[in-house]
Amino acid sequence: MPTEVENKTIVINGDAILPGQNKLVQINIARLPTGTLIDIPVHVFNGKKAGPTILVQAGLHGDEINGVETLRRLLQDNQFKIKKGAVIVVPILNVFGFIHFSRDVPDGKDVNRSFPGSRTGSLASRIAYHYTNEILPQIDFGIDLHTGGGLRHNFPQIRYTLEDQQSKDLALLFNAPFHFSSRLIGGSFRKAAFKMGKPIIVYEAGESMRFDEQSIEIGIRGVKNILIGLEMLSGKAPKKASIQFDSTRWIRASRAGMFIPKVKNGSPILKGQILGAITDTYAKKSKKIKAPFDGFVFCINNQAVVNQGDALFHIGK
């Protein structure tokens, strides 16, 4: 019988993780004004047999905690045993933002607009630099967990890069309720990875600073679906297929007022259907919001009082 090829040794921040070894390593970033050292915890599960290396990360925006809880549960799962290849799990990338309940780092910059970063730049740029140089060279592809910003609630969805067929294949394996392509944003982690030939998919689910059980459960299942599909983890593939959107559109407020949604997130809609209404506080004026086409709602703004131009619903068809 042919001899099985042993997996590669992974080296992060000078720490070597041998085939068959699981290890927690730290990437040192910077210190708080108090002198406390802040580092990024990186969990590495290196299988004995050769296979792909996948990154699963959350907390790129510090207030997006659904992904953090998703990976916490994955780490404590006794059935999470990698048969081949390697999985790198980073539950909190932006530790500074997480500490301050903030999307950004203390200097106000967004880490996800700072890639590939600079060793001597701003705090956000330094985080991006260390991550680009320590983690990205190790991986073959990755899953980046996010939530909606502010009070916008995203129904579980996967976004992939149109120009990257591998990322679409990963999106199909993840099997979230919805999937669609989205453009690459300058300075983002996904664009930096794309330039290095590393396919990344983005899981969007829930809203910032609020746990959403459905989003967490689908996130855990999605990560496992990919690992099962690549024969890195034991289990069964899902039967129900994800729905693809060919196009998406934001429905915005035509006037300011109190916003009252009339549909549930994730539900199918028909052209002309009333999605919600904007009313004044005196019950004198009310503006109905109608669906421009058949499709699905996959994001709802939970802000009760809105201004003209605010994004209210994200819909796909």
Protein backbone atom coordinates (compact mmCIF):
# COMPACT_ATOMS: atom_id res chain seq x y z
CA MET A 1 0.00 0.00 0.00
CA PRO A 2 1.22 3.55 -0.75
CA THR A 3 2.50 5.52 2.22
CA GLU A 4 0.27 8.43 3.24
CA VAL A 5 1.90 11.84 2.89
CA GLU A 6 2.39 13.63 6.19
CA ASN A 7 0.98 17.13 6.55
CA LYS A 8 3.26 20.18 6.64
CA THR A 9 4.57 21.86 9.78
CA ILE A 10 2.93 25.24 10.40
CA VAL A 11 5.04 28.06 11.85
CA ILE A 12 3.35 31.14 13.34
CA ASN A 13 5.26 33.84 15.19
CA GLY A 14 8.20 31.44 15.58
CA ASP A 15 6.06 28.63 17.07
CA ALA A 16 6.10 25.36 15.12
CA ILE A 17 2.96 23.20 15.07
CA LEU A 18 3.90 19.70 13.91
CA PRO A 19 1.62 17.28 12.03
CA GLY A 20 -0.84 15.72 14.48
CA GLN A 21 -0.41 18.56 16.99
CA ASN A 22 -2.94 21.09 18.30
CA LYS A 23 -1.57 24.29 19.80
CA LEU A 24 -2.52 27.78 20.94
CA VAL A 25 -0.03 30.44 19.80
CA GLN A 26 0.00 34.22 20.19
CA ILE A 27 0.78 36.99 17.71
CA ASN A 28 2.12 39.97 19.67
CA ILE A 29 0.69 43.27 18.42
CA ALA A 30 1.07 46.22 20.80
CA ARG A 31 0.53 47.41 24.37
CA LEU A 32 -2.29 49.31 26.03
CA PRO A 33 -1.40 52.67 27.64
CA THR A 34 -1.21 50.73 30.92
CA GLY A 35 1.61 48.60 29.51
CA THR A 36 -0.54 45.50 29.13
CA LEU A 37 0.55 43.50 26.08
CA ILE A 38 -2.20 42.75 23.57
CA ASP A 39 -1.83 39.74 21.31
CA ILE A 40 -4.02 37.77 18.92
CA PRO A 41 -4.79 34.19 20.11
CA VAL A 42 -4.44 31.67 17.28
CA HIS A 43 -5.64 28.07 17.68
CA VAL A 44 -3.98 25.63 15.27
CA PHE A 45 -5.29 22.11 14.60
CA ASN A 46 -2.72 20.38 12.42
CA GLY A 47 -3.81 16.99 11.09
CA LYS A 48 -1.36 14.15 10.51
CA LYS A 49 -2.31 13.58 6.86
CA ALA A 50 -1.59 16.09 4.11
CA GLY A 51 -4.45 18.37 3.11
CA PRO A 52 -5.48 22.01 2.74
CA THR A 53 -5.04 24.64 5.45
CA ILE A 54 -8.15 26.66 6.22
CA LEU A 55 -8.44 29.84 8.28
CA VAL A 56 -11.64 30.47 10.24
CA GLN A 57 -11.70 33.90 11.85
CA ALA A 58 -14.05 36.31 13.62
CA GLY A 59 -13.88 39.65 15.40
CA LEU A 60 -12.22 41.58 12.58
CA HIS A 61 -14.69 44.23 13.71
CA GLY A 62 -14.60 44.21 17.51
CA ASP A 63 -18.34 44.71 18.05
CA GLU A 64 -19.37 41.79 15.79
CA ILE A 65 -19.58 39.17 18.52
CA ASN A 66 -21.75 36.50 16.86
CA GLY A 67 -18.70 35.11 15.07
CA VAL A 68 -16.70 35.13 18.30
CA GLU A 69 -19.33 32.95 19.99
CA THR A 70 -19.57 30.73 16.90
CA LEU A 71 -15.87 29.93 17.08
CA ARG A 72 -15.90 29.59 20.87
CA ARG A 73 -18.48 26.83 20.55
CA LEU A 74 -16.54 25.21 17.72
CA LEU A 75 -13.39 25.15 19.86
CA GLN A 76 -15.16 23.43 22.76
CA ASP A 77 -16.75 20.79 20.50
CA ASN A 78 -15.21 17.41 21.33
CA GLN A 79 -16.13 16.16 17.84
CA PHE A 80 -13.90 18.80 16.22
CA LYS A 81 -11.12 16.41 15.24
CA ILE A 82 -9.26 17.22 12.03
CA LYS A 83 -8.43 14.10 9.98
CA LYS A 84 -6.17 15.77 7.43
CA GLY A 85 -4.91 19.22 6.53
CA ALA A 86 -5.03 21.98 9.12
CA VAL A 87 -7.50 24.47 10.57
CA ILE A 88 -6.37 27.81 11.99
CA VAL A 89 -9.02 29.36 14.25
CA VAL A 90 -8.84 33.04 15.27
CA PRO A 91 -11.88 33.88 17.44
CA ILE A 92 -10.96 37.57 17.93
CA LEU A 93 -8.76 39.30 15.37
CA ASN A 94 -9.38 42.89 16.53
CA VAL A 95 -8.79 42.45 20.26
CA PHE A 96 -8.61 46.23 20.81
CA GLY A 97 -12.06 46.76 19.28
CA PHE A 98 -13.49 43.83 21.23
CA ILE A 99 -12.27 45.30 24.52
CA HIS A 100 -13.86 48.68 23.70
CA PHE A 101 -17.13 47.27 22.21
CA SER A 102 -16.12 49.01 19.01
CA ARG A 103 -15.96 48.20 15.32
CA ASP A 104 -12.59 49.96 15.09
CA VAL A 105 -9.37 50.22 17.09
CA PRO A 106 -8.89 53.09 19.60
CA ASP A 107 -7.46 55.49 16.99
CA GLY A 108 -10.73 55.22 15.04
CA LYS A 109 -9.35 53.27 12.10
CA ASP A 110 -10.98 50.16 10.63
CA VAL A 111 -8.65 47.15 10.53
CA ASN A 112 -10.66 45.81 7.59
CA ARG A 113 -9.66 48.87 5.55
CA SER A 114 -5.98 48.67 6.55
CA PHE A 115 -4.66 45.58 4.74
CA PRO A 116 -1.98 44.61 3.85
CA GLY A 117 -0.79 47.01 6.56
CA SER A 118 2.53 48.45 7.65
CA ARG A 119 4.95 47.40 10.39
CA THR A 120 5.44 51.03 11.44
CA GLY A 121 1.99 52.41 10.63
CA SER A 122 -1.14 53.07 12.70
CA LEU A 123 -2.42 50.50 15.19
CA ALA A 124 -4.93 49.15 12.65
CA SER A 125 -2.20 48.99 10.00
CA ARG A 126 0.15 47.13 12.35
CA ILE A 127 -2.51 44.52 13.15
CA ALA A 128 -3.13 44.03 9.43
CA TYR A 129 0.62 43.80 8.73
CA HIS A 130 1.31 41.11 11.32
CA TYR A 131 -1.73 39.14 10.21
CA THR A 132 -0.84 39.41 6.51
CA ASN A 133 2.68 38.16 7.16
CA GLU A 134 2.05 35.53 9.87
CA ILE A 135 -1.29 33.98 8.85
CA LEU A 136 -2.05 34.51 5.16
CA PRO A 137 1.09 32.74 3.84
CA GLN A 138 0.06 29.61 5.79
CA ILE A 139 -3.44 29.14 4.40
CA ASP A 140 -5.06 27.87 1.22
CA PHE A 141 -8.43 29.57 1.84
CA GLY A 142 -10.46 31.14 4.62
CA ILE A 143 -13.85 31.88 6.19
CA ASP A 144 -14.35 35.36 7.65
CA LEU A 145 -17.29 35.71 10.10
CA HIS A 146 -19.12 39.05 10.34
CA THR A 147 -22.47 40.57 11.37
CA GLY A 148 -24.48 43.54 10.17
CA GLY A 149 -23.19 46.91 11.34
CA GLY A 150 -25.05 49.08 13.83
CA LEU A 151 -28.65 47.93 14.19
CA ARG A 152 -28.78 46.23 10.79
CA HIS A 153 -29.57 42.53 11.13
CA ASN A 154 -28.25 40.23 8.42
CA PHE A 155 -30.06 36.98 7.76
CA PRO A 156 -27.38 34.22 7.48
CA GLN A 157 -25.66 34.59 4.10
CA ILE A 158 -22.36 33.91 2.37
CA ARG A 159 -20.58 36.42 0.14
CA TYR A 160 -17.93 35.34 -2.33
CA THR A 161 -15.70 36.97 -4.95
CA LEU A 162 -17.14 36.88 -8.47
CA GLU A 163 -13.69 36.62 -10.08
CA ASP A 164 -12.74 33.67 -7.90
CA GLN A 165 -14.48 30.37 -8.74
CA GLN A 166 -12.90 28.66 -5.73
CA SER A 167 -14.62 31.09 -3.38
CA LYS A 168 -17.97 30.30 -5.01
CA ASP A 169 -17.28 26.58 -4.59
CA LEU A 170 -16.61 27.22 -0.89
CA ALA A 171 -19.83 29.24 -0.63
CA LEU A 172 -21.79 26.28 -1.98
CA LEU A 173 -20.11 23.92 0.48
CA PHE A 174 -20.86 26.24 3.43
CA ASN A 175 -24.54 26.11 2.39
CA ALA A 176 -25.92 29.19 4.19
CA PRO A 177 -29.58 30.03 3.40
CA PHE A 178 -28.41 32.64 0.81
CA HIS A 179 -25.20 33.25 -1.15
CA PHE A 180 -24.16 35.89 -3.69
CA SER A 181 -21.07 37.62 -5.04
CA SER A 182 -19.92 40.96 -3.62
CA ARG A 183 -17.24 43.35 -4.80
CA LEU A 184 -13.78 43.53 -3.27
CA ILE A 185 -13.25 46.60 -1.08
CA GLY A 186 -9.91 48.42 -1.04
CA GLY A 187 -7.89 47.72 2.10
CA SER A 188 -10.07 44.77 3.13
CA PHE A 189 -8.76 41.44 4.37
CA ARG A 190 -10.57 39.65 1.54
CA LYS A 191 -8.95 41.81 -1.16
CA ALA A 192 -5.46 41.39 0.34
CA ALA A 193 -6.00 37.62 0.42
CA PHE A 194 -7.35 37.65 -3.16
CA LYS A 195 -4.16 39.34 -4.38
CA MET A 196 -2.18 36.53 -2.74
CA GLY A 197 -4.33 33.88 -4.43
CA LYS A 198 -6.13 32.91 -1.21
CA PRO A 199 -9.92 32.48 -1.70
CA ILE A 200 -11.98 33.97 1.15
CA ILE A 201 -15.71 33.75 1.79
CA VAL A 202 -17.52 36.08 4.20
CA TYR A 203 -20.30 34.81 6.45
CA GLU A 204 -22.67 37.64 7.42
CA ALA A 205 -25.27 36.90 10.10
CA GLY A 206 -26.98 38.79 12.92
CA GLU A 207 -26.14 42.30 14.12
CA SER A 208 -23.39 43.87 16.21
CA MET A 209 -23.27 43.50 20.01
CA ARG A 210 -26.13 41.01 20.06
CA PHE A 211 -26.10 37.20 20.04
CA ASP A 212 -28.41 35.56 17.51
CA GLU A 213 -28.81 31.82 18.09
CA GLN A 214 -29.88 30.99 14.54
CA SER A 215 -26.88 32.83 13.10
CA ILE A 216 -24.49 31.06 15.47
CA GLU A 217 -25.88 27.59 14.78
CA ILE A 218 -25.85 28.07 10.99
CA GLY A 219 -22.30 29.43 11.24
CA ILE A 220 -21.06 26.37 13.13
CA ARG A 221 -22.82 24.05 10.71
CA GLY A 222 -21.44 25.95 7.71
CA VAL A 223 -17.82 25.70 8.85
CA LYS A 224 -18.30 21.98 9.46
CA ASN A 225 -19.98 21.58 6.05
CA ILE A 226 -16.82 22.86 4.36
CA LEU A 227 -14.54 20.64 6.42
CA ILE A 228 -16.76 17.61 5.75
CA GLY A 229 -16.91 18.45 2.05
CA LEU A 230 -13.10 18.50 1.93
CA GLU A 231 -12.91 15.25 3.95
CA MET A 232 -11.08 17.04 6.77
CA LEU A 233 -13.82 16.24 9.28
CA SER A 234 -16.19 13.29 9.66
CA GLY A 235 -19.91 13.89 9.11
CA LYS A 236 -22.71 14.12 6.56
CA ALA A 237 -23.25 16.78 3.91
CA PRO A 238 -26.48 18.86 4.01
CA LYS A 239 -29.37 18.06 1.69
CA LYS A 240 -31.06 21.46 1.30
CA ALA A 241 -29.27 23.73 -1.18
CA SER A 242 -28.45 27.40 -0.61
CA ILE A 243 -30.34 30.04 -2.66
CA GLN A 244 -28.20 32.21 -4.95
CA PHE A 245 -28.95 35.89 -5.63
CA ASP A 246 -28.08 37.19 -9.08
CA SER A 247 -28.46 40.79 -7.87
CA THR A 248 -29.11 42.68 -4.65
CA ARG A 249 -30.52 46.11 -3.81
CA TRP A 250 -30.85 48.39 -0.79
CA ILE A 251 -34.26 49.96 -0.15
CA ARG A 252 -33.70 53.37 1.45
CA ALA A 253 -35.92 55.75 3.37
CA SER A 254 -37.57 58.33 1.12
CA ARG A 255 -38.29 60.51 4.18
CA ALA A 256 -37.39 60.75 7.86
CA GLY A 257 -39.67 59.32 10.53
CA MET A 258 -40.47 56.23 12.57
CA PHE A 259 -39.69 53.02 10.72
CA ILE A 260 -42.04 50.04 11.10
CA PRO A 261 -41.04 46.83 9.26
CA LYS A 262 -43.89 44.54 8.14
CA VAL A 263 -41.89 41.49 7.01
CA LYS A 264 -39.59 39.00 8.70
CA ASN A 265 -35.94 38.84 7.79
CA GLY A 266 -35.17 35.97 5.41
CA SER A 267 -38.72 35.79 4.06
CA PRO A 268 -39.71 35.67 0.37
CA ILE A 269 -41.35 38.79 -1.06
CA LEU A 270 -43.44 39.62 -4.14
CA LYS A 271 -43.24 42.72 -6.31
CA GLY A 272 -45.53 45.41 -4.89
CA GLN A 273 -45.74 43.76 -1.47
CA ILE A 274 -45.67 46.19 1.47
CA LEU A 275 -42.39 45.69 3.34
CA GLY A 276 -42.93 48.38 5.95
CA ALA A 277 -43.83 51.99 6.52
CA ILE A 278 -42.35 55.28 7.66
CA THR A 279 -44.66 57.49 9.70
CA ASP A 280 -44.39 60.77 11.58
CA THR A 281 -44.94 60.96 15.33
CA TYR A 282 -48.32 62.73 14.93
CA ALA A 283 -50.03 60.04 12.83
CA LYS A 284 -50.55 62.60 10.05
CA LYS A 285 -48.33 61.13 7.34
CA SER A 286 -47.36 57.58 6.51
CA LYS A 287 -45.25 56.32 3.58
CA LYS A 288 -45.57 52.66 2.56
CA ILE A 289 -42.46 50.84 1.39
CA LYS A 290 -43.11 48.39 -1.44
CA ALA A 291 -40.99 45.60 -2.90
CA PRO A 292 -39.58 46.55 -6.35
CA PHE A 293 -39.34 42.89 -7.47
CA ASP A 294 -39.87 39.28 -6.39
CA GLY A 295 -37.11 38.00 -4.15
CA PHE A 296 -36.05 37.70 -0.52
CA VAL A 297 -35.32 40.09 2.34
CA PHE A 298 -31.90 39.34 3.84
CA CYS A 299 -31.22 42.42 5.96
CA ILE A 300 -33.47 44.67 8.04
CA ASN A 301 -32.53 47.87 9.83
CA ASN A 302 -33.80 47.65 13.43
CA GLN A 303 -33.38 51.40 13.97
CA ALA A 304 -36.81 52.72 15.02
CA VAL A 305 -36.22 56.35 13.99
CA VAL A 306 -34.62 56.89 10.58
CA ASN A 307 -33.43 59.74 8.42
CA GLN A 308 -33.99 60.27 4.73
CA GLY A 309 -31.64 58.01 2.76
CA ASP A 310 -31.06 55.48 5.54
CA ALA A 311 -30.79 51.85 4.40
CA LEU A 312 -33.90 49.95 5.55
CA PHE A 313 -34.02 46.63 3.71
CA HIS A 314 -31.44 44.67 1.70
CA ILE A 315 -33.20 42.45 -0.82
CA GLY A 316 -32.01 39.93 -3.38
CA LYS A 317 -33.42 38.21 -6.44
